[in-house]
Every structure is written in C-alpha cells, then in structure tokens.
Amino acid sequence: VYTDHCPLRDMQLKPSNNRRVDRISLILQQYNIKQIHHLSSKCNCMADYLSRYPRQVEDDDDFIEEDFGVVPGIQHCGAV
C-alpha cells in the first residue's frame, strides 16, 4: 500500500496509545497488507485530485458499468 499519510505507515512499526489509531489498525488487519510505504502528496497527484474533486454519483446501476479507464502505469517521483 502506498499512502501520503505517514502515521499509517508507522502503525505497523510501533504500538499506539491512541484508541482511534487502534481501531483503524484493527480494521486494516482484515486485509493482507504486506507493507505500507509513504508517498509524498506532491508525488501522488491522481489521489490528491480525486480526493478534492470526487465524482458525484447518482443512484443508478449504470454507474458500475461505466468505463473509467485504467492507468497503465504509475510513475513515482523518486521519493519512494
């Protein structure tokens, strides 16, 4: 997993005294996450854009069938 949220990466490395972080950690344990990497926000432009300008979804089954396209590759900025 690549994230721009540094504390998420650190959850795997050290115990927490924060109940909120503990709850998030329990939720993430449901997934087979091998490693969490930090990716700076300026190198993660697509995620930044999508979080700031989410697509408005109507209650329509056709939404699932739309072709959004697939990004053929992700270029990293050397921070990883």
N, C-alpha and C. Protein backbone atom coordinates (compact mmCIF):
# COMPACT_ATOMS: atom_id res chain seq x y z
N VAL A 1 0.85 -1.17 0.00
CA VAL A 1 0.00 0.00 0.00
C VAL A 1 0.89 1.23 0.00
N TYR A 2 0.57 2.20 -0.85
CA TYR A 2 1.25 3.48 -0.87
C TYR A 2 0.29 4.54 -0.34
N THR A 3 0.74 5.35 0.59
CA THR A 3 -0.10 6.37 1.19
C THR A 3 0.70 7.64 1.45
N ASP A 4 -0.01 8.76 1.46
CA ASP A 4 0.65 10.01 1.82
C ASP A 4 0.44 10.33 3.30
N HIS A 5 -0.13 9.38 4.02
CA HIS A 5 -0.40 9.55 5.45
C HIS A 5 0.66 8.81 6.25
N CYS A 6 1.70 9.53 6.65
CA CYS A 6 2.86 8.93 7.33
C CYS A 6 2.48 8.12 8.58
N PRO A 7 1.57 8.60 9.44
CA PRO A 7 1.24 7.81 10.63
C PRO A 7 0.69 6.42 10.31
N LEU A 8 0.05 6.27 9.16
CA LEU A 8 -0.45 4.96 8.76
C LEU A 8 0.70 3.99 8.56
N ARG A 9 1.78 4.46 7.98
CA ARG A 9 2.96 3.63 7.79
C ARG A 9 3.53 3.20 9.13
N ASP A 10 3.57 4.11 10.07
CA ASP A 10 4.16 3.83 11.38
C ASP A 10 3.33 2.88 12.23
N MET A 11 2.06 2.69 11.90
CA MET A 11 1.21 1.79 12.67
C MET A 11 1.77 0.37 12.70
N GLN A 12 2.43 -0.04 11.65
CA GLN A 12 2.99 -1.39 11.59
C GLN A 12 4.27 -1.50 12.41
N LEU A 13 4.91 -0.39 12.69
CA LEU A 13 6.24 -0.41 13.30
C LEU A 13 6.24 -0.28 14.82
N LYS A 14 5.27 0.44 15.36
CA LYS A 14 5.30 0.67 16.80
C LYS A 14 3.89 0.65 17.38
N PRO A 15 3.76 0.26 18.65
CA PRO A 15 2.44 0.23 19.29
C PRO A 15 1.90 1.64 19.51
N SER A 16 0.60 1.73 19.63
CA SER A 16 -0.06 3.02 19.78
C SER A 16 -0.73 3.11 21.15
N ASN A 17 -0.83 4.32 21.65
CA ASN A 17 -1.60 4.59 22.87
C ASN A 17 -2.86 5.38 22.53
N ASN A 18 -3.24 5.37 21.27
CA ASN A 18 -4.36 6.14 20.78
C ASN A 18 -5.49 5.19 20.38
N ARG A 19 -6.66 5.34 20.98
CA ARG A 19 -7.78 4.43 20.71
C ARG A 19 -8.23 4.50 19.25
N ARG A 20 -8.21 5.69 18.68
CA ARG A 20 -8.63 5.85 17.28
C ARG A 20 -7.68 5.10 16.35
N VAL A 21 -6.39 5.24 16.57
CA VAL A 21 -5.39 4.54 15.76
C VAL A 21 -5.54 3.03 15.95
N ASP A 22 -5.83 2.60 17.16
CA ASP A 22 -6.03 1.17 17.43
C ASP A 22 -7.23 0.63 16.65
N ARG A 23 -8.31 1.40 16.58
CA ARG A 23 -9.50 0.97 15.81
C ARG A 23 -9.17 0.85 14.33
N ILE A 24 -8.45 1.82 13.79
CA ILE A 24 -8.05 1.77 12.38
C ILE A 24 -7.16 0.57 12.13
N SER A 25 -6.25 0.31 13.05
CA SER A 25 -5.36 -0.84 12.92
C SER A 25 -6.13 -2.15 12.88
N LEU A 26 -7.15 -2.27 13.72
CA LEU A 26 -7.98 -3.48 13.72
C LEU A 26 -8.72 -3.66 12.39
N ILE A 27 -9.20 -2.58 11.84
CA ILE A 27 -9.90 -2.65 10.54
C ILE A 27 -8.93 -3.09 9.45
N LEU A 28 -7.71 -2.54 9.46
CA LEU A 28 -6.73 -2.87 8.43
C LEU A 28 -6.23 -4.30 8.53
N GLN A 29 -6.33 -4.91 9.71
CA GLN A 29 -5.89 -6.29 9.88
C GLN A 29 -6.74 -7.27 9.08
N GLN A 30 -7.92 -6.84 8.63
CA GLN A 30 -8.79 -7.69 7.82
C GLN A 30 -8.21 -7.92 6.43
N TYR A 31 -7.27 -7.09 6.03
CA TYR A 31 -6.68 -7.15 4.70
C TYR A 31 -5.27 -7.72 4.79
N ASN A 32 -4.83 -8.32 3.73
CA ASN A 32 -3.50 -8.93 3.69
C ASN A 32 -2.47 -7.88 3.22
N ILE A 33 -2.22 -6.89 4.06
CA ILE A 33 -1.30 -5.82 3.71
C ILE A 33 0.10 -6.24 4.14
N LYS A 34 0.97 -6.38 3.16
CA LYS A 34 2.34 -6.81 3.45
C LYS A 34 3.18 -5.65 3.98
N GLN A 35 3.06 -4.49 3.34
CA GLN A 35 3.90 -3.36 3.72
C GLN A 35 3.20 -2.06 3.33
N ILE A 36 3.42 -1.03 4.14
CA ILE A 36 2.86 0.29 3.86
C ILE A 36 4.02 1.24 3.59
N HIS A 37 3.97 1.90 2.44
CA HIS A 37 5.03 2.82 2.03
C HIS A 37 4.50 4.25 2.05
N HIS A 38 5.35 5.19 2.41
CA HIS A 38 4.98 6.60 2.35
C HIS A 38 5.26 7.14 0.95
N LEU A 39 4.31 7.86 0.41
CA LEU A 39 4.44 8.52 -0.88
C LEU A 39 4.02 9.96 -0.66
N SER A 40 4.91 10.89 -0.88
CA SER A 40 4.59 12.28 -0.58
C SER A 40 3.40 12.75 -1.42
N SER A 41 2.66 13.68 -0.89
CA SER A 41 1.45 14.18 -1.57
C SER A 41 1.76 14.75 -2.94
N LYS A 42 2.88 15.43 -3.08
CA LYS A 42 3.19 16.04 -4.38
C LYS A 42 3.52 14.98 -5.43
N CYS A 43 3.84 13.77 -5.01
CA CYS A 43 4.11 12.68 -5.95
C CYS A 43 2.88 11.81 -6.19
N ASN A 44 1.80 12.11 -5.53
CA ASN A 44 0.59 11.31 -5.61
C ASN A 44 -0.55 12.18 -6.14
N CYS A 45 -0.33 12.76 -7.31
CA CYS A 45 -1.24 13.76 -7.87
C CYS A 45 -2.65 13.23 -8.13
N MET A 46 -2.76 12.01 -8.67
CA MET A 46 -4.07 11.49 -9.01
C MET A 46 -4.94 11.31 -7.76
N ALA A 47 -4.39 10.73 -6.72
CA ALA A 47 -5.16 10.54 -5.48
C ALA A 47 -5.54 11.89 -4.88
N ASP A 48 -4.64 12.84 -4.94
CA ASP A 48 -4.92 14.17 -4.42
C ASP A 48 -6.07 14.80 -5.19
N TYR A 49 -6.04 14.69 -6.51
CA TYR A 49 -7.11 15.25 -7.34
C TYR A 49 -8.45 14.57 -7.04
N LEU A 50 -8.45 13.24 -6.98
CA LEU A 50 -9.70 12.51 -6.75
C LEU A 50 -10.29 12.80 -5.38
N SER A 51 -9.45 13.04 -4.39
CA SER A 51 -9.97 13.33 -3.05
C SER A 51 -10.54 14.75 -2.97
N ARG A 52 -10.02 15.65 -3.79
CA ARG A 52 -10.51 17.03 -3.76
C ARG A 52 -11.72 17.25 -4.66
N TYR A 53 -11.83 16.47 -5.74
CA TYR A 53 -12.92 16.63 -6.69
C TYR A 53 -13.61 15.28 -6.93
N PRO A 54 -14.29 14.76 -5.92
CA PRO A 54 -14.94 13.46 -6.09
C PRO A 54 -16.07 13.54 -7.11
N ARG A 55 -16.30 12.45 -7.79
CA ARG A 55 -17.37 12.37 -8.78
C ARG A 55 -18.69 12.22 -8.04
N GLN A 56 -19.67 12.99 -8.44
CA GLN A 56 -20.99 12.88 -7.84
C GLN A 56 -21.69 11.67 -8.44
N VAL A 57 -22.15 10.77 -7.61
CA VAL A 57 -22.75 9.53 -8.07
C VAL A 57 -24.25 9.58 -7.84
N GLU A 58 -24.99 9.25 -8.89
CA GLU A 58 -26.43 9.13 -8.77
C GLU A 58 -26.76 7.69 -8.43
N ASP A 59 -27.92 7.47 -7.88
CA ASP A 59 -28.36 6.11 -7.58
C ASP A 59 -28.79 5.43 -8.87
N ASP A 60 -27.81 4.94 -9.60
CA ASP A 60 -28.07 4.36 -10.91
C ASP A 60 -27.14 3.17 -11.11
N ASP A 61 -27.69 2.03 -11.50
CA ASP A 61 -26.88 0.84 -11.71
C ASP A 61 -25.92 0.99 -12.88
N ASP A 62 -26.19 1.91 -13.81
CA ASP A 62 -25.30 2.11 -14.95
C ASP A 62 -23.94 2.63 -14.51
N PHE A 63 -23.89 3.24 -13.34
CA PHE A 63 -22.63 3.79 -12.85
C PHE A 63 -21.56 2.70 -12.77
N ILE A 64 -21.93 1.53 -12.33
CA ILE A 64 -20.98 0.44 -12.16
C ILE A 64 -20.42 -0.02 -13.51
N GLU A 65 -21.21 0.09 -14.56
CA GLU A 65 -20.81 -0.42 -15.86
C GLU A 65 -20.02 0.60 -16.68
N GLU A 66 -19.87 1.81 -16.18
CA GLU A 66 -19.12 2.81 -16.93
C GLU A 66 -17.65 2.43 -17.00
N ASP A 67 -17.03 2.79 -18.11
CA ASP A 67 -15.61 2.52 -18.27
C ASP A 67 -14.83 3.75 -17.84
N PHE A 68 -14.15 3.65 -16.71
CA PHE A 68 -13.36 4.77 -16.22
C PHE A 68 -11.95 4.75 -16.76
N GLY A 69 -11.56 3.66 -17.39
CA GLY A 69 -10.20 3.53 -17.89
C GLY A 69 -9.27 3.08 -16.78
N VAL A 70 -8.14 2.61 -17.18
CA VAL A 70 -7.15 2.12 -16.23
C VAL A 70 -5.85 2.85 -16.50
N VAL A 71 -5.22 3.29 -15.45
CA VAL A 71 -3.92 3.93 -15.58
C VAL A 71 -2.91 2.84 -15.88
N PRO A 72 -2.24 2.86 -17.05
CA PRO A 72 -1.35 1.77 -17.44
C PRO A 72 -0.14 1.62 -16.54
N GLY A 73 0.31 2.67 -15.93
CA GLY A 73 1.47 2.58 -15.04
C GLY A 73 1.52 3.80 -14.18
N ILE A 74 2.15 3.67 -13.05
CA ILE A 74 2.28 4.80 -12.14
C ILE A 74 3.73 5.21 -12.11
N GLN A 75 3.98 6.47 -12.39
CA GLN A 75 5.34 6.97 -12.33
C GLN A 75 5.58 7.55 -10.95
N HIS A 76 6.63 7.08 -10.32
CA HIS A 76 6.96 7.58 -8.99
C HIS A 76 8.01 8.67 -9.12
N CYS A 77 8.04 9.55 -8.18
CA CYS A 77 8.92 10.72 -8.28
C CYS A 77 10.26 10.52 -7.60
N GLY A 78 10.64 9.33 -7.29
CA GLY A 78 11.93 9.10 -6.67
C GLY A 78 11.90 9.22 -5.16
N ALA A 79 10.78 9.64 -4.60
CA ALA A 79 10.67 9.75 -3.15
C ALA A 79 10.45 8.38 -2.53
N VAL A 80 10.07 7.43 -3.36
CA VAL A 80 9.78 6.08 -2.86
C VAL A 80 11.03 5.24 -2.94
